């Protein structure tokens, strides 16, 4: 899917969490799930022009982790 979107010159981010199953994000207790939720929230905020909730760090804060 990511490759096809890139071929069509569409915006697409691909994130891979090594060693985790396809639907790992459904277990909200996993730290990786929390990270995935933050990644998704930033993507939508960036492309829909919405603000992140107050408890969501922006891209600059995430880059320093």
Protein backbone atom coordinates (compact mmCIF):
# COMPACT_ATOMS: atom_id res chain seq x y z
CA UNK A 1 0.00 0.00 0.00
CA UNK A 2 2.74 2.48 0.96
CA UNK A 3 4.63 1.83 -2.28
CA UNK A 4 1.51 2.35 -4.37
CA UNK A 5 0.66 5.60 -2.61
CA UNK A 6 4.23 6.82 -3.15
CA UNK A 7 3.95 5.90 -6.85
CA UNK A 8 0.79 8.02 -7.02
CA UNK A 9 2.63 10.90 -5.27
CA UNK A 10 0.30 10.72 -2.28
CA UNK A 11 1.32 11.45 1.29
CA UNK A 12 2.07 8.25 3.15
CA UNK A 13 4.14 7.38 6.19
CA UNK A 14 5.29 3.83 6.84
CA UNK A 15 6.18 2.80 10.40
CA UNK A 16 7.31 -0.70 11.30
CA UNK A 17 7.38 -2.09 14.82
CA UNK A 18 9.71 -5.09 14.63
CA UNK A 19 8.51 -8.31 16.22
CA UNK A 20 4.90 -7.23 16.69
CA UNK A 21 1.86 -8.67 14.98
CA UNK A 22 -0.39 -6.91 12.47
CA UNK A 23 -2.95 -5.71 15.02
CA UNK A 24 -0.65 -5.06 18.00
CA UNK A 25 -2.15 -1.60 18.41
CA UNK A 26 -5.43 -3.15 19.57
CA UNK A 27 -3.76 -3.92 22.92
CA UNK A 28 -3.69 -0.40 24.34
CA UNK A 29 -1.53 -1.50 27.28
CA UNK A 30 1.52 -2.09 25.10
CA UNK A 31 4.02 0.80 25.07
CA UNK A 32 4.33 0.30 21.32
CA UNK A 33 0.59 0.77 20.97
CA UNK A 34 0.81 4.09 22.79
CA UNK A 35 3.61 5.11 20.43
CA UNK A 36 1.55 4.05 17.41
CA UNK A 37 -1.43 6.11 18.65
CA UNK A 38 0.84 9.17 18.95
CA UNK A 39 2.18 8.60 15.43
CA UNK A 40 -1.37 8.34 14.07
CA UNK A 41 -2.53 11.44 15.94
CA UNK A 42 0.39 13.48 14.60
CA UNK A 43 -0.27 12.27 11.04
CA UNK A 44 -3.93 13.28 11.17
CA UNK A 45 -3.19 16.57 12.91
CA UNK A 46 -0.57 17.45 10.30
CA UNK A 47 -2.74 16.55 7.29
CA UNK A 48 -6.12 17.68 8.58
CA UNK A 49 -4.82 20.91 10.07
CA UNK A 50 -6.06 20.09 13.55
CA UNK A 51 -4.32 20.59 16.87
CA UNK A 52 -3.02 17.73 18.97
CA UNK A 53 -4.58 17.23 22.38
CA UNK A 54 -2.67 18.93 25.18
CA UNK A 55 -1.18 15.63 26.36
CA UNK A 56 0.25 14.86 22.89
CA UNK A 57 3.80 16.05 22.28
CA UNK A 58 4.35 17.75 18.96
CA UNK A 59 6.84 16.54 16.33
CA UNK A 60 9.77 18.44 17.87
CA UNK A 61 9.28 16.76 21.23
CA UNK A 62 8.93 13.35 19.60
CA UNK A 63 12.16 13.83 17.66
CA UNK A 64 14.14 14.31 20.86
CA UNK A 65 13.14 10.92 22.27
